[in-house]
């Protein structure tokens, strides 16, 4: 047999081996994917404190709101603790979580435990709780609104690309990345920013029982440590997540150390990592995260790394 034939048969053998491997991985992954992605820790019994984790940029409120509603309805859950570790995010999503927490606190105690960062939208949602507990080193505050519009005009000019826009009104393509903003558009967006900013300030004044002038002095986007926020009246006390759970238990009248219940995500196995059956869906989520960022955001730009 010639060297060329041996080489060809070797390549065919490798391809067939890989095909068999991927079929096997696909089968086992399909079986493992039949298990629920989220496992609910048993909440039978009574005198439980539910723990909800709000981590990362706030883009979608659906999951958090769903958990809040579930634990409000549960007779076994006497109080809710929300662990916030977020630099903020979309205005609408933050508002929805804030409003849901306000509804929840009418039914049972809701306590916020701030992690490393609970700024801008992370602070906004915290305003809906009965009590706010910050770590002394938490980065919080950043009361304000931001909108960012990329301008690719110079880059497109270099490669000779030009877009023709047909629109129904002069503001219909405002924020178009293929050109810069006009002065009129800047004034328009500033008016929108100002309106949303006023909503943020009003919530701080109402929820923290602070004078409006005092809030305006610090509502310029700057961040504070948890200790500084406590001294300003932006949070109720300093402590850890464990402290927040104890506070929630006390507010609910639970005697002794409260039992904690939370929603747990299924831990991925090796097959999930190698051949995840939901790869396409995950890629779609990543694409949406990148392309569908909300224009108006309660987001802190200052993050310690």
C-alpha atoms as a PDB file:
ATOM      1  CA  UNK A   1       0.000   0.000   0.000  1.00  0.00           C
ATOM      2  CA  UNK A   2       1.348   3.409  -0.955  1.00  0.00           C
ATOM      3  CA  UNK A   3       2.075   6.146   1.593  1.00  0.00           C
ATOM      4  CA  UNK A   4      -0.707   8.256   0.071  1.00  0.00           C
ATOM      5  CA  UNK A   5      -3.245   5.469   0.592  1.00  0.00           C
ATOM      6  CA  UNK A   6      -2.145   4.918   4.191  1.00  0.00           C
ATOM      7  CA  UNK A   7      -2.361   8.655   4.852  1.00  0.00           C
ATOM      8  CA  UNK A   8      -5.840   8.801   3.316  1.00  0.00           C
ATOM      9  CA  UNK A   9      -7.092   5.811   5.339  1.00  0.00           C
ATOM     10  CA  UNK A  10      -5.613   7.346   8.480  1.00  0.00           C
ATOM     11  CA  UNK A  11      -7.534  10.575   7.909  1.00  0.00           C
ATOM     12  CA  UNK A  12     -10.751   8.618   7.295  1.00  0.00           C
ATOM     13  CA  UNK A  13     -10.167   6.679  10.514  1.00  0.00           C
ATOM     14  CA  UNK A  14      -9.712   9.863  12.533  1.00  0.00           C
ATOM     15  CA  UNK A  15     -12.869  11.385  11.056  1.00  0.00           C
ATOM     16  CA  UNK A  16     -14.917   8.253  11.829  1.00  0.00           C
ATOM     17  CA  UNK A  17     -13.544   8.113  15.376  1.00  0.00           C
ATOM     18  CA  UNK A  18     -14.469  11.752  15.967  1.00  0.00           C
ATOM     19  CA  UNK A  19     -17.929  11.145  14.516  1.00  0.00           C
ATOM     20  CA  UNK A  20     -18.537   8.222  16.894  1.00  0.00           C
ATOM     21  CA  UNK A  21     -17.248  10.290  19.819  1.00  0.00           C
ATOM     22  CA  UNK A  22     -19.553  13.222  19.077  1.00  0.00           C
ATOM     23  CA  UNK A  23     -22.562  10.933  18.584  1.00  0.00           C
ATOM     24  CA  UNK A  24     -21.865   9.333  21.972  1.00  0.00           C
ATOM     25  CA  UNK A  25     -21.390  12.705  23.625  1.00  0.00           C
ATOM     26  CA  UNK A  26     -24.567  13.957  22.005  1.00  0.00           C
ATOM     27  CA  UNK A  27     -26.549  10.985  23.316  1.00  0.00           C
ATOM     28  CA  UNK A  28     -25.322  11.292  26.895  1.00  0.00           C
ATOM     29  CA  UNK A  29     -25.783  15.058  26.809  1.00  0.00           C
ATOM     30  CA  UNK A  30     -29.348  14.642  25.555  1.00  0.00           C
ATOM     31  CA  UNK A  31     -30.083  12.342  28.480  1.00  0.00           C
ATOM     32  CA  UNK A  32     -28.476  14.698  30.994  1.00  0.00           C
ATOM     33  CA  UNK A  33     -30.279  17.712  29.512  1.00  0.00           C
ATOM     34  CA  UNK A  34     -33.606  16.137  30.443  1.00  0.00           C
ATOM     35  CA  UNK A  35     -32.875  17.094  34.057  1.00  0.00           C
ATOM     36  CA  UNK A  36     -34.139  20.533  35.101  1.00  0.00           C
ATOM     37  CA  UNK A  37     -31.625  23.336  34.889  1.00  0.00           C
ATOM     38  CA  UNK A  38     -32.897  24.751  38.145  1.00  0.00           C
ATOM     39  CA  UNK A  39     -33.527  22.697  41.229  1.00  0.00           C
ATOM     40  CA  UNK A  40     -35.803  24.043  43.928  1.00  0.00           C
ATOM     41  CA  UNK A  41     -34.475  23.303  47.360  1.00  0.00           C
ATOM     42  CA  UNK A  42     -37.309  21.873  49.433  1.00  0.00           C
ATOM     43  CA  UNK A  43     -39.266  24.558  51.234  1.00  0.00           C
ATOM     44  CA  UNK A  44     -41.503  22.259  53.246  1.00  0.00           C
ATOM     45  CA  UNK A  45     -41.860  23.125  56.889  1.00  0.00           C
ATOM     46  CA  UNK A  46     -41.985  26.624  58.239  1.00  0.00           C
ATOM     47  CA  UNK A  47     -39.976  29.620  59.410  1.00  0.00           C
ATOM     48  CA  UNK A  48     -37.734  29.778  56.350  1.00  0.00           C
ATOM     49  CA  UNK A  49     -35.820  32.758  54.962  1.00  0.00           C
ATOM     50  CA  UNK A  50     -35.593  32.753  51.169  1.00  0.00           C
ATOM     51  CA  UNK A  51     -32.345  33.919  49.573  1.00  0.00           C
ATOM     52  CA  UNK A  52     -32.419  35.447  46.085  1.00  0.00           C
ATOM     53  CA  UNK A  53     -29.154  36.276  44.333  1.00  0.00           C
ATOM     54  CA  UNK A  54     -29.049  39.261  41.980  1.00  0.00           C
ATOM     55  CA  UNK A  55     -25.628  39.223  40.356  1.00  0.00           C
ATOM     56  CA  UNK A  56     -24.162  40.954  37.315  1.00  0.00           C
ATOM     57  CA  UNK A  57     -25.596  43.556  34.980  1.00  0.00           C
ATOM     58  CA  UNK A  58     -29.371  43.951  35.265  1.00  0.00           C
ATOM     59  CA  UNK A  59     -30.686  43.310  31.764  1.00  0.00           C
ATOM     60  CA  UNK A  60     -33.769  41.182  32.346  1.00  0.00           C
ATOM     61  CA  UNK A  61     -35.973  41.207  35.442  1.00  0.00           C
ATOM     62  CA  UNK A  62     -37.967  38.063  34.660  1.00  0.00           C
ATOM     63  CA  UNK A  63     -36.035  35.522  36.738  1.00  0.00           C
ATOM     64  CA  UNK A  64     -35.717  37.725  39.844  1.00  0.00           C
ATOM     65  CA  UNK A  65     -39.364  38.801  39.721  1.00  0.00           C
ATOM     66  CA  UNK A  66     -40.419  35.167  39.337  1.00  0.00           C
ATOM     67  CA  UNK A  67     -38.465  34.160  42.437  1.00  0.00           C
ATOM     68  CA  UNK A  68     -39.850  37.057  44.471  1.00  0.00           C
ATOM     69  CA  UNK A  69     -43.432  36.123  43.600  1.00  0.00           C
ATOM     70  CA  UNK A  70     -42.796  32.457  44.397  1.00  0.00           C
ATOM     71  CA  UNK A  71     -41.431  33.171  47.858  1.00  0.00           C
ATOM     72  CA  UNK A  72     -44.141  35.717  48.645  1.00  0.00           C
ATOM     73  CA  UNK A  73     -46.760  33.034  47.962  1.00  0.00           C
ATOM     74  CA  UNK A  74     -44.957  30.366  50.010  1.00  0.00           C
ATOM     75  CA  UNK A  75     -46.386  30.039  53.516  1.00  0.00           C
ATOM     76  CA  UNK A  76     -43.140  28.372  54.636  1.00  0.00           C
ATOM     77  CA  UNK A  77     -41.088  31.455  53.754  1.00  0.00           C
ATOM     78  CA  UNK A  78     -41.403  34.164  56.387  1.00  0.00           C
ATOM     79  CA  UNK A  79     -38.859  36.641  55.007  1.00  0.00           C
ATOM     80  CA  UNK A  80     -36.827  37.298  51.863  1.00  0.00           C
ATOM     81  CA  UNK A  81     -33.172  38.303  51.578  1.00  0.00           C
ATOM     82  CA  UNK A  82     -31.889  39.586  48.244  1.00  0.00           C
ATOM     83  CA  UNK A  83     -28.120  39.460  47.797  1.00  0.00           C
ATOM     84  CA  UNK A  84     -27.204  42.244  45.369  1.00  0.00           C
ATOM     85  CA  UNK A  85     -23.829  42.203  43.633  1.00  0.00           C
ATOM     86  CA  UNK A  86     -24.475  44.365  40.585  1.00  0.00           C
ATOM     87  CA  UNK A  87     -23.221  47.598  38.985  1.00  0.00           C
ATOM     88  CA  UNK A  88     -26.749  48.245  37.733  1.00  0.00           C
ATOM     89  CA  UNK A  89     -28.221  47.945  34.273  1.00  0.00           C
ATOM     90  CA  UNK A  90     -31.379  48.702  32.345  1.00  0.00           C
ATOM     91  CA  UNK A  91     -33.764  51.345  33.663  1.00  0.00           C
ATOM     92  CA  UNK A  92     -36.894  49.312  32.947  1.00  0.00           C
ATOM     93  CA  UNK A  93     -35.561  46.055  34.428  1.00  0.00           C
ATOM     94  CA  UNK A  94     -34.359  47.863  37.561  1.00  0.00           C
ATOM     95  CA  UNK A  95     -37.748  49.540  37.972  1.00  0.00           C
ATOM     96  CA  UNK A  96     -39.604  46.231  37.646  1.00  0.00           C
ATOM     97  CA  UNK A  97     -37.500  44.571  40.346  1.00  0.00           C
ATOM     98  CA  UNK A  98     -37.827  47.608  42.620  1.00  0.00           C
ATOM     99  CA  UNK A  99     -41.622  47.607  42.267  1.00  0.00           C
ATOM    100  CA  UNK A 100     -41.858  43.858  42.895  1.00  0.00           C
ATOM    101  CA  UNK A 101     -39.787  44.181  46.072  1.00  0.00           C
ATOM    102  CA  UNK A 102     -42.081  46.977  47.246  1.00  0.00           C
ATOM    103  CA  UNK A 103     -45.088  44.694  46.788  1.00  0.00           C
ATOM    104  CA  UNK A 104     -43.296  41.856  48.569  1.00  0.00           C
ATOM    105  CA  UNK A 105     -42.416  43.925  51.637  1.00  0.00           C
ATOM    106  CA  UNK A 106     -46.127  44.545  52.195  1.00  0.00           C
ATOM    107  CA  UNK A 107     -46.525  40.787  52.717  1.00  0.00           C
ATOM    108  CA  UNK A 108     -43.308  39.857  54.548  1.00  0.00           C
ATOM    109  CA  UNK A 109     -39.933  41.413  55.492  1.00  0.00           C
ATOM    110  CA  UNK A 110     -37.515  41.972  52.600  1.00  0.00           C
ATOM    111  CA  UNK A 111     -33.848  42.619  53.394  1.00  0.00           C
ATOM    112  CA  UNK A 112     -31.125  43.599  50.936  1.00  0.00           C
ATOM    113  CA  UNK A 113     -27.581  42.328  51.489  1.00  0.00           C
ATOM    114  CA  UNK A 114     -25.089  44.288  49.400  1.00  0.00           C
ATOM    115  CA  UNK A 115     -22.054  42.442  48.069  1.00  0.00           C
ATOM    116  CA  UNK A 116     -18.947  43.917  46.459  1.00  0.00           C
ATOM    117  CA  UNK A 117     -20.963  46.268  44.245  1.00  0.00           C
ATOM    118  CA  UNK A 118     -24.550  47.457  44.572  1.00  0.00           C
ATOM    119  CA  UNK A 119     -24.379  50.684  42.619  1.00  0.00           C
ATOM    120  CA  UNK A 120     -26.711  52.672  40.380  1.00  0.00           C
ATOM    121  CA  UNK A 121     -29.390  50.151  39.320  1.00  0.00           C
ATOM    122  CA  UNK A 122     -28.056  47.831  42.024  1.00  0.00           C
ATOM    123  CA  UNK A 123     -28.851  50.546  44.568  1.00  0.00           C
ATOM    124  CA  UNK A 124     -32.113  51.427  42.811  1.00  0.00           C
ATOM    125  CA  UNK A 125     -33.586  47.947  43.274  1.00  0.00           C
ATOM    126  CA  UNK A 126     -32.382  47.916  46.890  1.00  0.00           C
ATOM    127  CA  UNK A 127     -34.677  50.846  47.655  1.00  0.00           C
ATOM    128  CA  UNK A 128     -37.650  48.490  47.436  1.00  0.00           C
ATOM    129  CA  UNK A 129     -36.629  46.500  50.524  1.00  0.00           C
ATOM    130  CA  UNK A 130     -37.675  46.833  54.158  1.00  0.00           C
ATOM    131  CA  UNK A 131     -34.019  47.106  55.241  1.00  0.00           C
ATOM    132  CA  UNK A 132     -30.712  47.581  53.424  1.00  0.00           C
ATOM    133  CA  UNK A 133     -27.555  45.967  54.820  1.00  0.00           C
ATOM    134  CA  UNK A 134     -24.246  46.995  53.228  1.00  0.00           C
ATOM    135  CA  UNK A 135     -20.777  45.623  53.752  1.00  0.00           C
ATOM    136  CA  UNK A 136     -18.409  48.417  54.904  1.00  0.00           C
ATOM    137  CA  UNK A 137     -16.408  47.879  51.715  1.00  0.00           C
ATOM    138  CA  UNK A 138     -19.370  47.693  49.342  1.00  0.00           C
ATOM    139  CA  UNK A 139     -19.250  50.076  46.383  1.00  0.00           C
ATOM    140  CA  UNK A 140     -22.697  51.648  46.186  1.00  0.00           C
ATOM    141  CA  UNK A 141     -24.388  54.915  45.314  1.00  0.00           C
ATOM    142  CA  UNK A 142     -23.753  56.070  41.731  1.00  0.00           C
ATOM    143  CA  UNK A 143     -27.187  57.681  41.689  1.00  0.00           C
ATOM    144  CA  UNK A 144     -27.694  58.732  38.100  1.00  0.00           C
ATOM    145  CA  UNK A 145     -28.507  57.706  34.543  1.00  0.00           C
ATOM    146  CA  UNK A 146     -26.272  57.102  31.539  1.00  0.00           C
ATOM    147  CA  UNK A 147     -26.818  56.600  27.814  1.00  0.00           C
ATOM    148  CA  UNK A 148     -24.009  55.801  25.398  1.00  0.00           C
ATOM    149  CA  UNK A 149     -24.119  55.985  21.605  1.00  0.00           C
ATOM    150  CA  UNK A 150     -21.222  54.625  19.540  1.00  0.00           C
ATOM    151  CA  UNK A 151     -20.158  56.748  16.564  1.00  0.00           C
ATOM    152  CA  UNK A 152     -18.677  54.664  13.746  1.00  0.00           C
ATOM    153  CA  UNK A 153     -18.745  57.394  11.091  1.00  0.00           C
ATOM    154  CA  UNK A 154     -14.967  57.917  10.856  1.00  0.00           C
ATOM    155  CA  UNK A 155     -14.358  54.180  10.657  1.00  0.00           C
ATOM    156  CA  UNK A 156     -16.976  53.744   7.932  1.00  0.00           C
ATOM    157  CA  UNK A 157     -15.586  56.699   5.989  1.00  0.00           C
ATOM    158  CA  UNK A 158     -12.187  54.998   5.887  1.00  0.00           C
ATOM    159  CA  UNK A 159     -13.621  51.853   4.317  1.00  0.00           C
ATOM    160  CA  UNK A 160     -15.968  53.766   2.021  1.00  0.00           C
ATOM    161  CA  UNK A 161     -19.256  52.619   3.533  1.00  0.00           C
ATOM    162  CA  UNK A 162     -22.204  54.985   3.642  1.00  0.00           C
ATOM    163  CA  UNK A 163     -25.790  54.409   4.818  1.00  0.00           C
ATOM    164  CA  UNK A 164     -28.844  56.047   3.263  1.00  0.00           C
ATOM    165  CA  UNK A 165     -31.562  56.556   5.890  1.00  0.00           C
ATOM    166  CA  UNK A 166     -35.254  56.867   5.061  1.00  0.00           C
ATOM    167  CA  UNK A 167     -37.346  57.729   8.111  1.00  0.00           C
ATOM    168  CA  UNK A 168     -40.781  58.928   9.170  1.00  0.00           C
ATOM    169  CA  UNK A 169     -39.597  61.677  11.510  1.00  0.00           C
ATOM    170  CA  UNK A 170     -36.451  63.618  12.328  1.00  0.00           C
ATOM    171  CA  UNK A 171     -35.829  61.737  15.591  1.00  0.00           C
ATOM    172  CA  UNK A 172     -36.574  58.243  14.240  1.00  0.00           C
ATOM    173  CA  UNK A 173     -32.896  57.354  13.784  1.00  0.00           C
ATOM    174  CA  UNK A 174     -31.562  59.281  16.762  1.00  0.00           C
ATOM    175  CA  UNK A 175     -28.610  57.408  18.216  1.00  0.00           C
ATOM    176  CA  UNK A 176     -27.768  55.849  14.854  1.00  0.00           C
ATOM    177  CA  UNK A 177     -24.158  54.565  15.169  1.00  0.00           C
ATOM    178  CA  UNK A 178     -23.401  55.513  11.565  1.00  0.00           C
ATOM    179  CA  UNK A 179     -23.325  59.224  12.358  1.00  0.00           C
ATOM    180  CA  UNK A 180     -22.859  61.567  15.283  1.00  0.00           C
ATOM    181  CA  UNK A 181     -25.666  63.155  17.281  1.00  0.00           C
ATOM    182  CA  UNK A 182     -26.934  66.561  16.241  1.00  0.00           C
ATOM    183  CA  UNK A 183     -27.191  69.321  18.862  1.00  0.00           C
ATOM    184  CA  UNK A 184     -30.971  68.983  18.776  1.00  0.00           C
ATOM    185  CA  UNK A 185     -30.725  65.241  19.396  1.00  0.00           C
ATOM    186  CA  UNK A 186     -28.349  65.793  22.293  1.00  0.00           C
ATOM    187  CA  UNK A 187     -30.871  68.148  23.896  1.00  0.00           C
ATOM    188  CA  UNK A 188     -33.629  65.619  23.268  1.00  0.00           C
ATOM    189  CA  UNK A 189     -31.753  62.740  24.888  1.00  0.00           C
ATOM    190  CA  UNK A 190     -30.693  64.963  27.773  1.00  0.00           C
ATOM    191  CA  UNK A 191     -34.367  65.708  28.483  1.00  0.00           C
ATOM    192  CA  UNK A 192     -35.088  61.966  28.598  1.00  0.00           C
ATOM    193  CA  UNK A 193     -32.090  61.384  30.870  1.00  0.00           C
ATOM    194  CA  UNK A 194     -33.232  64.192  33.159  1.00  0.00           C
ATOM    195  CA  UNK A 195     -36.726  62.719  33.472  1.00  0.00           C
ATOM    196  CA  UNK A 196     -35.442  59.254  34.409  1.00  0.00           C
ATOM    197  CA  UNK A 197     -32.901  60.834  36.772  1.00  0.00           C
ATOM    198  CA  UNK A 198     -35.726  62.664  38.561  1.00  0.00           C
ATOM    199  CA  UNK A 199     -37.491  59.351  39.090  1.00  0.00           C
ATOM    200  CA  UNK A 200     -34.337  57.922  40.688  1.00  0.00           C
ATOM    201  CA  UNK A 201     -33.908  60.935  42.967  1.00  0.00           C
ATOM    202  CA  UNK A 202     -37.574  60.875  43.968  1.00  0.00           C
ATOM    203  CA  UNK A 203     -37.337  57.208  44.967  1.00  0.00           C
ATOM    204  CA  UNK A 204     -34.283  57.903  47.138  1.00  0.00           C
ATOM    205  CA  UNK A 205     -36.053  60.834  48.817  1.00  0.00           C
ATOM    206  CA  UNK A 206     -39.188  58.766  49.437  1.00  0.00           C
ATOM    207  CA  UNK A 207     -37.634  55.459  50.493  1.00  0.00           C
ATOM    208  CA  UNK A 208     -34.748  56.820  52.576  1.00  0.00           C
ATOM    209  CA  UNK A 209     -36.789  59.632  54.144  1.00  0.00           C
ATOM    210  CA  UNK A 210     -34.168  62.183  53.109  1.00  0.00           C
ATOM    211  CA  UNK A 211     -34.463  65.829  52.153  1.00  0.00           C
ATOM    212  CA  UNK A 212     -34.404  66.403  48.416  1.00  0.00           C
ATOM    213  CA  UNK A 213     -31.590  68.961  48.633  1.00  0.00           C
ATOM    214  CA  UNK A 214     -29.455  66.492  50.579  1.00  0.00           C
ATOM    215  CA  UNK A 215     -30.017  63.803  47.955  1.00  0.00           C
ATOM    216  CA  UNK A 216     -29.204  66.159  45.080  1.00  0.00           C
ATOM    217  CA  UNK A 217     -25.855  66.974  46.681  1.00  0.00           C
ATOM    218  CA  UNK A 218     -24.747  63.353  46.347  1.00  0.00           C
ATOM    219  CA  UNK A 219     -26.778  62.264  43.305  1.00  0.00           C
ATOM    220  CA  UNK A 220     -24.156  63.190  40.723  1.00  0.00           C
ATOM    221  CA  UNK A 221     -23.031  59.694  39.799  1.00  0.00           C
ATOM    222  CA  UNK A 222     -20.313  59.362  42.442  1.00  0.00           C
ATOM    223  CA  UNK A 223     -19.871  56.100  44.320  1.00  0.00           C
ATOM    224  CA  UNK A 224     -19.551  55.538  48.056  1.00  0.00           C
ATOM    225  CA  UNK A 225     -18.290  52.784  50.297  1.00  0.00           C
ATOM    226  CA  UNK A 226     -20.856  50.979  52.393  1.00  0.00           C
ATOM    227  CA  UNK A 227     -19.548  52.831  55.437  1.00  0.00           C
ATOM    228  CA  UNK A 228     -19.991  56.211  53.754  1.00  0.00           C
ATOM    229  CA  UNK A 229     -23.456  55.240  52.534  1.00  0.00           C
ATOM    230  CA  UNK A 230     -24.455  54.294  56.088  1.00  0.00           C
ATOM    231  CA  UNK A 231     -23.254  57.640  57.425  1.00  0.00           C
ATOM    232  CA  UNK A 232     -25.295  59.426  54.731  1.00  0.00           C
ATOM    233  CA  UNK A 233     -28.438  57.432  55.430  1.00  0.00           C
ATOM    234  CA  UNK A 234     -28.449  55.594  52.095  1.00  0.00           C
ATOM    235  CA  UNK A 235     -28.438  52.200  53.863  1.00  0.00           C
ATOM    236  CA  UNK A 236     -29.801  51.062  57.231  1.00  0.00           C
ATOM    237  CA  UNK A 237     -26.874  49.197  58.742  1.00  0.00           C
ATOM    238  CA  UNK A 238     -23.528  47.554  58.066  1.00  0.00           C
ATOM    239  CA  UNK A 239     -23.038  43.812  58.012  1.00  0.00           C
ATOM    240  CA  UNK A 240     -22.571  40.628  56.058  1.00  0.00           C
ATOM    241  CA  UNK A 241     -24.988  38.334  54.256  1.00  0.00           C
ATOM    242  CA  UNK A 242     -25.230  36.268  57.432  1.00  0.00           C
ATOM    243  CA  UNK A 243     -26.164  39.411  59.365  1.00  0.00           C
ATOM    244  CA  UNK A 244     -28.829  40.240  56.771  1.00  0.00           C
ATOM    245  CA  UNK A 245     -30.348  36.770  57.148  1.00  0.00           C
ATOM    246  CA  UNK A 246     -30.478  37.165  60.940  1.00  0.00           C
ATOM    247  CA  UNK A 247     -32.090  40.594  60.578  1.00  0.00           C
ATOM    248  CA  UNK A 248     -34.699  39.151  58.214  1.00  0.00           C
ATOM    249  CA  UNK A 249     -35.402  36.344  60.672  1.00  0.00           C
ATOM    250  CA  UNK A 250     -35.840  38.784  63.546  1.00  0.00           C
ATOM    251  CA  UNK A 251     -38.182  40.986  61.503  1.00  0.00           C
ATOM    252  CA  UNK A 252     -40.256  37.902  60.690  1.00  0.00           C
ATOM    253  CA  UNK A 253     -40.366  36.797  64.325  1.00  0.00           C
ATOM    254  CA  UNK A 254     -38.391  33.613  63.710  1.00  0.00           C
ATOM    255  CA  UNK A 255     -36.880  32.222  66.902  1.00  0.00           C
ATOM    256  CA  UNK A 256     -33.322  30.943  66.718  1.00  0.00           C
ATOM    257  CA  UNK A 257     -31.238  30.696  63.574  1.00  0.00           C
ATOM    258  CA  UNK A 258     -33.470  30.800  60.494  1.00  0.00           C
ATOM    259  CA  UNK A 259     -33.254  28.076  57.871  1.00  0.00           C
ATOM    260  CA  UNK A 260     -32.343  29.406  54.443  1.00  0.00           C
ATOM    261  CA  UNK A 261     -33.916  28.242  51.203  1.00  0.00           C
ATOM    262  CA  UNK A 262     -32.840  29.306  47.730  1.00  0.00           C
ATOM    263  CA  UNK A 263     -33.159  28.359  44.115  1.00  0.00           C
ATOM    264  CA  UNK A 264     -30.145  26.421  42.931  1.00  0.00           C
ATOM    265  CA  UNK A 265     -28.872  26.010  39.411  1.00  0.00           C
ATOM    266  CA  UNK A 266     -27.938  22.525  38.341  1.00  0.00           C
ATOM    267  CA  UNK A 267     -24.189  22.024  38.373  1.00  0.00           C
ATOM    268  CA  UNK A 268     -22.976  21.230  34.835  1.00  0.00           C
ATOM    269  CA  UNK A 269     -21.257  17.883  34.350  1.00  0.00           C
ATOM    270  CA  UNK A 270     -18.257  17.260  32.143  1.00  0.00           C
ATOM    271  CA  UNK A 271     -20.524  16.371  29.231  1.00  0.00           C
ATOM    272  CA  UNK A 272     -22.403  19.644  29.627  1.00  0.00           C
ATOM    273  CA  UNK A 273     -19.152  21.548  29.409  1.00  0.00           C
ATOM    274  CA  UNK A 274     -17.848  19.573  26.420  1.00  0.00           C
ATOM    275  CA  UNK A 275     -21.036  19.236  24.418  1.00  0.00           C
ATOM    276  CA  UNK A 276     -23.742  21.480  25.868  1.00  0.00           C
ATOM    277  CA  UNK A 277     -27.061  20.726  24.185  1.00  0.00           C
ATOM    278  CA  UNK A 278     -28.182  24.330  24.630  1.00  0.00           C
ATOM    279  CA  UNK A 279     -25.153  25.883  23.014  1.00  0.00           C
ATOM    280  CA  UNK A 280     -27.201  27.586  20.322  1.00  0.00           C
ATOM    281  CA  UNK A 281     -29.560  29.044  22.930  1.00  0.00           C
ATOM    282  CA  UNK A 282     -26.625  30.219  25.034  1.00  0.00           C
ATOM    283  CA  UNK A 283     -25.031  31.864  22.000  1.00  0.00           C
ATOM    284  CA  UNK A 284     -28.354  33.554  21.302  1.00  0.00           C
ATOM    285  CA  UNK A 285     -28.385  34.911  24.866  1.00  0.00           C
ATOM    286  CA  UNK A 286     -24.853  36.238  24.435  1.00  0.00           C
ATOM    287  CA  UNK A 287     -25.824  37.898  21.164  1.00  0.00           C
ATOM    288  CA  UNK A 288     -28.872  39.508  22.775  1.00  0.00           C
ATOM    289  CA  UNK A 289     -26.752  40.692  25.705  1.00  0.00           C
ATOM    290  CA  UNK A 290     -24.324  42.401  23.319  1.00  0.00           C
ATOM    291  CA  UNK A 291     -26.765  43.766  20.748  1.00  0.00           C
ATOM    292  CA  UNK A 292     -29.863  44.481  22.842  1.00  0.00           C
ATOM    293  CA  UNK A 293     -28.365  46.526  25.655  1.00  0.00           C
ATOM    294  CA  UNK A 294     -30.943  49.064  26.886  1.00  0.00           C
ATOM    295  CA  UNK A 295     -30.120  52.628  25.821  1.00  0.00           C
ATOM    296  CA  UNK A 296     -30.979  54.145  29.200  1.00  0.00           C
ATOM    297  CA  UNK A 297     -29.171  52.537  32.103  1.00  0.00           C
ATOM    298  CA  UNK A 298     -28.744  52.938  35.836  1.00  0.00           C
ATOM    299  CA  UNK A 299     -25.183  51.674  35.643  1.00  0.00           C
ATOM    300  CA  UNK A 300     -21.988  52.364  37.528  1.00  0.00           C
ATOM    301  CA  UNK A 301     -18.935  52.793  35.284  1.00  0.00           C
ATOM    302  CA  UNK A 302     -16.492  52.603  38.206  1.00  0.00           C
ATOM    303  CA  UNK A 303     -15.647  49.009  39.063  1.00  0.00           C
ATOM    304  CA  UNK A 304     -12.697  47.925  41.192  1.00  0.00           C
ATOM    305  CA  UNK A 305     -10.809  44.997  39.688  1.00  0.00           C
END
